[in-house]
């Protein structure tokens, strides 16, 4: 998105001063998360790298300038999510739900959920609600253009784990659709509670990261690697929609992606959701199911008090 008609597209250099602000970035040891954390720390924010492997987190932190720290978080283990939130002290300006897995072989989280839905959606759902009383500005959750891939992705409420019908792409698309429905319902609840906190979503387009490196299909993995070389933008460019959603004055519920053809690359701009990702009834149903599965609920009293 251009700054105005006579200037260049929005870039990292346009991030306003983040001094005095604290951000948590999940999965910040590589790829989009690393690029996002570097940019925010470089702009003056104190950035917490929420990472499953602390050693990899420390290596990532050593590559950054600015104020950064590493804390362990395994989104595929709700006890780890609860521990991370319980250890948090003080305000948190910005939570970026970046971590994720993509097109992996069928597997289960520690709590028994299908790995992609459990990690990409349920882990972040629990983390966000547990931290929400501390959050002062916004929550940005990464989705994907995969939420509207051919085949009409949907939430399989009758079989969320896709037991007996597992497909890596179907599971990934379901989890990314869930991310957008989560953002939609979170914003509705924040507004209803009178909270100033905003929920936004972003997607990177096609960004060359190691996310594509664990594909369950050898053929699709080869295609992904070829696409990374010929089509994709790098992780710094792929992080721009996330950063734009994190620092620009946008309405709650906004969805940011690249402005290029098929939203695969380009400068950050507001983009559209699929009809399935815009359905408030489905969003509320998913929220209720997510509360039941995680045992974590929306902290209404704390949010109302902060607002």
Protein backbone atom coordinates (compact mmCIF):
# COMPACT_ATOMS: atom_id res chain seq x y z
CA UNK A 1 0.00 0.00 0.00
CA UNK A 2 1.46 3.34 -1.01
CA UNK A 3 1.95 5.99 1.65
CA UNK A 4 0.28 8.42 -0.70
CA UNK A 5 -0.01 8.93 -4.43
CA UNK A 6 3.49 10.37 -4.76
CA UNK A 7 5.57 8.07 -2.55
CA UNK A 8 6.96 4.56 -2.52
CA UNK A 9 5.22 1.49 -1.06
CA UNK A 10 5.32 0.92 2.69
CA UNK A 11 8.51 -0.72 3.98
CA UNK A 12 10.24 -1.54 7.26
CA UNK A 13 11.71 1.95 7.32
CA UNK A 14 8.16 3.28 7.77
CA UNK A 15 7.66 1.54 11.12
CA UNK A 16 7.11 4.29 13.71
CA UNK A 17 9.29 4.44 16.81
CA UNK A 18 8.43 1.46 19.01
CA UNK A 19 10.44 2.57 22.06
CA UNK A 20 8.74 1.67 25.32
CA UNK A 21 6.60 -1.04 23.72
CA UNK A 22 6.77 -4.77 24.35
CA UNK A 23 5.94 -7.41 21.75
CA UNK A 24 5.71 -11.20 21.82
CA UNK A 25 6.37 -13.00 18.53
CA UNK A 26 5.70 -16.73 18.45
CA UNK A 27 7.98 -18.85 16.27
CA UNK A 28 10.53 -16.03 16.05
CA UNK A 29 13.62 -18.18 15.54
CA UNK A 30 13.41 -18.30 11.73
CA UNK A 31 11.55 -17.16 8.63
CA UNK A 32 8.74 -14.65 8.98
CA UNK A 33 8.88 -14.63 12.78
CA UNK A 34 12.58 -13.84 12.80
CA UNK A 35 12.14 -11.06 10.24
CA UNK A 36 9.21 -9.63 12.20
CA UNK A 37 11.06 -9.71 15.51
CA UNK A 38 14.17 -8.12 13.99
CA UNK A 39 12.15 -5.27 12.50
CA UNK A 40 10.29 -4.52 15.74
CA UNK A 41 13.45 -4.69 17.85
CA UNK A 42 15.22 -2.49 15.33
CA UNK A 43 12.44 0.08 15.74
CA UNK A 44 12.96 0.17 19.50
CA UNK A 45 10.51 -2.39 20.89
CA UNK A 46 11.44 -4.94 23.53
CA UNK A 47 10.73 -8.21 21.74
CA UNK A 48 10.15 -11.57 23.40
CA UNK A 49 10.93 -14.51 21.15
CA UNK A 50 8.43 -17.21 22.12
CA UNK A 51 10.09 -20.37 20.84
CA UNK A 52 9.83 -24.12 21.40
CA UNK A 53 13.62 -24.66 21.35
CA UNK A 54 15.41 -22.11 23.58
CA UNK A 55 18.81 -22.89 22.01
CA UNK A 56 17.53 -21.95 18.56
CA UNK A 57 15.92 -18.93 20.14
CA UNK A 58 19.21 -17.77 21.63
CA UNK A 59 20.89 -18.17 18.23
CA UNK A 60 18.16 -16.04 16.68
CA UNK A 61 18.41 -13.41 19.43
CA UNK A 62 22.16 -13.15 18.85
CA UNK A 63 21.46 -12.12 15.24
CA UNK A 64 19.33 -9.13 16.30
CA UNK A 65 20.03 -5.59 17.35
CA UNK A 66 17.98 -4.09 20.14
CA UNK A 67 16.27 -5.40 23.25
CA UNK A 68 15.27 -9.05 22.88
CA UNK A 69 14.79 -12.04 25.15
CA UNK A 70 13.89 -15.69 24.66
CA UNK A 71 11.12 -17.58 26.46
CA UNK A 72 10.10 -21.17 25.86
CA UNK A 73 6.68 -21.79 24.32
CA UNK A 74 5.43 -25.00 22.72
CA UNK A 75 2.09 -24.29 21.07
CA UNK A 76 1.49 -28.02 20.63
CA UNK A 77 1.41 -28.43 24.42
CA UNK A 78 -1.28 -26.52 26.33
CA UNK A 79 0.62 -26.93 29.60
CA UNK A 80 3.51 -25.01 28.01
CA UNK A 81 1.09 -22.31 26.82
CA UNK A 82 -0.33 -21.98 30.33
CA UNK A 83 3.14 -21.82 31.84
CA UNK A 84 4.23 -19.08 29.42
CA UNK A 85 1.15 -16.98 30.23
CA UNK A 86 1.41 -17.56 33.98
CA UNK A 87 5.02 -16.34 33.96
CA UNK A 88 4.11 -13.10 32.18
CA UNK A 89 4.33 -9.97 34.33
CA UNK A 90 3.37 -6.46 33.26
CA UNK A 91 1.70 -5.03 30.20
CA UNK A 92 2.07 -6.46 26.70
CA UNK A 93 1.49 -4.05 23.84
CA UNK A 94 1.55 -6.48 20.96
CA UNK A 95 1.04 -10.22 20.52
CA UNK A 96 1.95 -11.64 17.12
CA UNK A 97 0.64 -15.17 16.61
CA UNK A 98 3.13 -16.11 13.91
CA UNK A 99 4.24 -19.71 14.56
CA UNK A 100 2.79 -22.52 12.52
CA UNK A 101 3.24 -25.82 10.73
CA UNK A 102 2.22 -26.52 7.14
CA UNK A 103 1.21 -29.58 5.10
CA UNK A 104 2.87 -32.03 7.46
CA UNK A 105 2.18 -35.76 7.80
CA UNK A 106 -0.67 -36.66 10.12
CA UNK A 107 0.25 -36.23 13.77
CA UNK A 108 -1.09 -35.19 17.17
CA UNK A 109 -0.23 -32.51 19.71
CA UNK A 110 0.60 -33.47 23.28
CA UNK A 111 -3.08 -32.94 24.11
CA UNK A 112 -4.23 -35.20 21.27
CA UNK A 113 -5.36 -32.64 18.68
CA UNK A 114 -4.51 -32.86 14.97
CA UNK A 115 -1.13 -31.15 14.80
CA UNK A 116 -1.88 -28.33 12.34
CA UNK A 117 -5.23 -27.35 13.90
CA UNK A 118 -3.82 -27.80 17.40
CA UNK A 119 -0.69 -25.74 16.79
CA UNK A 120 -1.85 -23.09 14.35
CA UNK A 121 -5.23 -22.41 15.94
CA UNK A 122 -5.83 -23.95 19.37
CA UNK A 123 -2.38 -23.11 20.76
CA UNK A 124 -2.70 -19.48 19.71
CA UNK A 125 -6.34 -19.36 20.84
CA UNK A 126 -5.30 -20.40 24.35
CA UNK A 127 -2.24 -18.14 24.42
CA UNK A 128 -4.19 -15.07 23.32
CA UNK A 129 -6.99 -15.49 25.84
CA UNK A 130 -4.59 -16.22 28.70
CA UNK A 131 -2.54 -13.10 27.90
CA UNK A 132 -5.47 -10.87 26.99
CA UNK A 133 -5.76 -9.18 30.40
CA UNK A 134 -2.19 -7.95 29.86
CA UNK A 135 -2.53 -6.85 26.22
CA UNK A 136 -2.90 -3.09 25.72
CA UNK A 137 -2.85 -2.58 21.95
CA UNK A 138 -3.45 -5.44 19.52
CA UNK A 139 -3.25 -9.09 18.55
CA UNK A 140 -2.05 -9.98 15.03
CA UNK A 141 -2.63 -13.54 13.86
CA UNK A 142 -1.10 -15.00 10.71
CA UNK A 143 -3.43 -16.68 8.28
CA UNK A 144 -2.82 -17.69 4.68
CA UNK A 145 -4.29 -17.47 1.21
CA UNK A 146 -4.75 -21.21 1.73
CA UNK A 147 -7.92 -20.38 3.67
CA UNK A 148 -9.61 -19.99 0.28
CA UNK A 149 -7.90 -22.65 -1.83
CA UNK A 150 -9.96 -24.70 -4.31
CA UNK A 151 -12.15 -27.25 -2.59
CA UNK A 152 -13.96 -24.77 -0.34
CA UNK A 153 -12.00 -25.10 2.92
CA UNK A 154 -14.27 -25.38 5.93
CA UNK A 155 -14.19 -26.15 9.62
CA UNK A 156 -14.92 -29.87 9.99
CA UNK A 157 -16.90 -29.55 13.21
CA UNK A 158 -17.91 -33.20 13.01
CA UNK A 159 -14.27 -34.30 12.71
CA UNK A 160 -11.81 -31.52 13.56
CA UNK A 161 -8.90 -33.97 13.66
CA UNK A 162 -9.84 -35.28 10.19
CA UNK A 163 -9.58 -38.81 11.53
CA UNK A 164 -9.86 -41.28 8.67
CA UNK A 165 -9.90 -38.49 6.07
CA UNK A 166 -6.65 -36.68 6.78
CA UNK A 167 -5.11 -34.61 4.01
CA UNK A 168 -2.16 -32.31 4.78
CA UNK A 169 -3.56 -29.49 2.65
CA UNK A 170 -7.10 -29.85 4.02
CA UNK A 171 -5.77 -29.73 7.57
CA UNK A 172 -3.60 -26.70 6.85
CA UNK A 173 -6.42 -24.84 5.08
CA UNK A 174 -8.78 -25.60 7.98
CA UNK A 175 -6.27 -24.20 10.47
CA UNK A 176 -5.73 -21.01 8.46
CA UNK A 177 -9.49 -20.52 8.07
CA UNK A 178 -9.73 -20.98 11.83
CA UNK A 179 -7.17 -18.19 12.31
CA UNK A 180 -9.39 -15.74 10.43
CA UNK A 181 -12.58 -16.85 12.18
CA UNK A 182 -10.77 -16.51 15.51
CA UNK A 183 -9.76 -12.94 14.64
CA UNK A 184 -13.32 -12.11 13.59
CA UNK A 185 -14.89 -13.38 16.81
CA UNK A 186 -12.12 -11.98 19.02
CA UNK A 187 -12.71 -8.51 17.59
CA UNK A 188 -16.46 -8.86 18.12
CA UNK A 189 -15.91 -9.78 21.76
CA UNK A 190 -13.40 -6.98 22.33
CA UNK A 191 -15.79 -4.44 20.86
CA UNK A 192 -18.68 -5.76 22.92
CA UNK A 193 -16.52 -5.55 26.05
CA UNK A 194 -15.63 -1.92 25.33
CA UNK A 195 -11.95 -2.79 25.03
CA UNK A 196 -9.52 -0.63 23.02
CA UNK A 197 -7.55 -3.75 22.05
CA UNK A 198 -7.75 -4.68 18.37
CA UNK A 199 -7.56 -8.06 16.66
CA UNK A 200 -6.11 -8.14 13.15
CA UNK A 201 -4.89 -10.79 10.74
CA UNK A 202 -2.24 -10.91 8.02
CA UNK A 203 -0.82 -13.25 5.43
CA UNK A 204 2.62 -13.10 3.78
CA UNK A 205 1.75 -14.16 0.25
CA UNK A 206 4.30 -16.66 -1.01
CA UNK A 207 7.36 -16.16 1.15
CA UNK A 208 10.43 -18.36 0.95
CA UNK A 209 10.81 -19.82 4.46
CA UNK A 210 11.48 -23.22 6.01
CA UNK A 211 7.72 -23.62 6.60
CA UNK A 212 7.49 -25.45 3.28
CA UNK A 213 10.34 -27.77 4.19
CA UNK A 214 8.30 -30.45 5.94
CA UNK A 215 5.67 -31.17 3.31
CA UNK A 216 4.13 -34.62 3.49
CA UNK A 217 4.13 -34.86 -0.31
CA UNK A 218 7.46 -35.22 -2.13
CA UNK A 219 5.97 -33.85 -5.33
CA UNK A 220 4.35 -30.86 -3.62
CA UNK A 221 7.55 -30.29 -1.66
CA UNK A 222 9.49 -30.14 -4.93
CA UNK A 223 6.96 -27.67 -6.33
CA UNK A 224 7.24 -25.56 -3.17
CA UNK A 225 11.02 -25.45 -3.40
CA UNK A 226 10.84 -24.48 -7.05
CA UNK A 227 8.29 -21.79 -6.24
CA UNK A 228 10.51 -20.48 -3.47
CA UNK A 229 13.24 -19.91 -6.05
CA UNK A 230 11.15 -18.53 -8.90
CA UNK A 231 8.06 -16.87 -7.41
CA UNK A 232 8.41 -16.20 -3.71
CA UNK A 233 9.54 -13.05 -2.01
CA UNK A 234 12.04 -13.30 0.84
CA UNK A 235 11.09 -13.47 4.51
CA UNK A 236 11.73 -9.75 5.03
CA UNK A 237 9.19 -8.86 2.35
CA UNK A 238 6.85 -11.60 3.57
CA UNK A 239 6.88 -10.08 7.05
CA UNK A 240 5.67 -6.69 5.83
CA UNK A 241 1.93 -7.48 6.04
CA UNK A 242 2.39 -8.64 9.64
CA UNK A 243 4.35 -5.53 10.53
CA UNK A 244 1.84 -3.28 8.78
CA UNK A 245 -0.98 -4.87 10.78
CA UNK A 246 1.09 -4.50 13.95
CA UNK A 247 1.95 -0.80 13.75
CA UNK A 248 -0.46 1.00 11.40
CA UNK A 249 -3.68 2.58 12.63
CA UNK A 250 -6.10 0.04 11.14
CA UNK A 251 -9.62 -0.93 12.20
CA UNK A 252 -10.04 -4.04 14.30
CA UNK A 253 -10.76 -7.09 12.17
CA UNK A 254 -8.57 -5.88 9.29
CA UNK A 255 -6.80 -8.44 7.11
CA UNK A 256 -3.51 -7.46 5.47
CA UNK A 257 -1.67 -9.14 2.61
CA UNK A 258 0.51 -8.32 -0.43
CA UNK A 259 -0.94 -6.10 -3.15
CA UNK A 260 0.48 -8.07 -6.10
CA UNK A 261 -1.15 -10.56 -8.45
CA UNK A 262 -3.01 -13.29 -6.56
CA UNK A 263 -1.67 -11.68 -3.36
CA UNK A 264 1.53 -13.69 -3.73
CA UNK A 265 3.97 -10.81 -3.37
CA UNK A 266 4.07 -7.04 -3.14
CA UNK A 267 3.58 -4.22 -0.67
CA UNK A 268 1.17 -4.62 2.27
CA UNK A 269 -2.46 -3.60 1.77
CA UNK A 270 -5.90 -4.52 3.07
CA UNK A 271 -7.16 -7.70 1.38
CA UNK A 272 -10.38 -9.68 1.34
CA UNK A 273 -11.47 -12.81 3.17
CA UNK A 274 -13.40 -15.69 1.71
CA UNK A 275 -17.13 -15.90 2.55
CA UNK A 276 -16.32 -18.84 4.84
CA UNK A 277 -13.89 -16.64 6.78
CA UNK A 278 -16.48 -13.88 7.12
CA UNK A 279 -19.26 -15.92 8.72
CA UNK A 280 -20.02 -14.68 12.27
CA UNK A 281 -22.15 -17.71 13.17
CA UNK A 282 -19.32 -20.08 12.24
CA UNK A 283 -16.83 -17.89 14.11
CA UNK A 284 -18.91 -18.07 17.29
CA UNK A 285 -19.34 -21.81 16.97
CA UNK A 286 -15.58 -22.29 16.50
CA UNK A 287 -14.91 -20.10 19.54
CA UNK A 288 -17.23 -22.20 21.70
CA UNK A 289 -15.64 -25.44 20.52
CA UNK A 290 -12.14 -23.99 21.06
CA UNK A 291 -13.01 -23.04 24.64
CA UNK A 292 -14.28 -26.56 25.27
CA UNK A 293 -11.17 -28.18 23.79
CA UNK A 294 -8.60 -25.95 25.52
CA UNK A 295 -10.39 -25.14 28.75
CA UNK A 296 -9.50 -21.47 28.16
CA UNK A 297 -12.19 -18.80 28.00
CA UNK A 298 -12.43 -15.14 27.06
CA UNK A 299 -11.43 -13.08 30.12
CA UNK A 300 -14.43 -10.75 30.00
CA UNK A 301 -14.06 -9.03 33.40
CA UNK A 302 -10.40 -8.14 32.89
CA UNK A 303 -10.96 -6.79 29.38
CA UNK A 304 -13.94 -4.71 30.47
CA UNK A 305 -11.95 -3.26 33.34
CA UNK A 306 -9.03 -2.33 31.09
CA UNK A 307 -11.34 -0.74 28.52
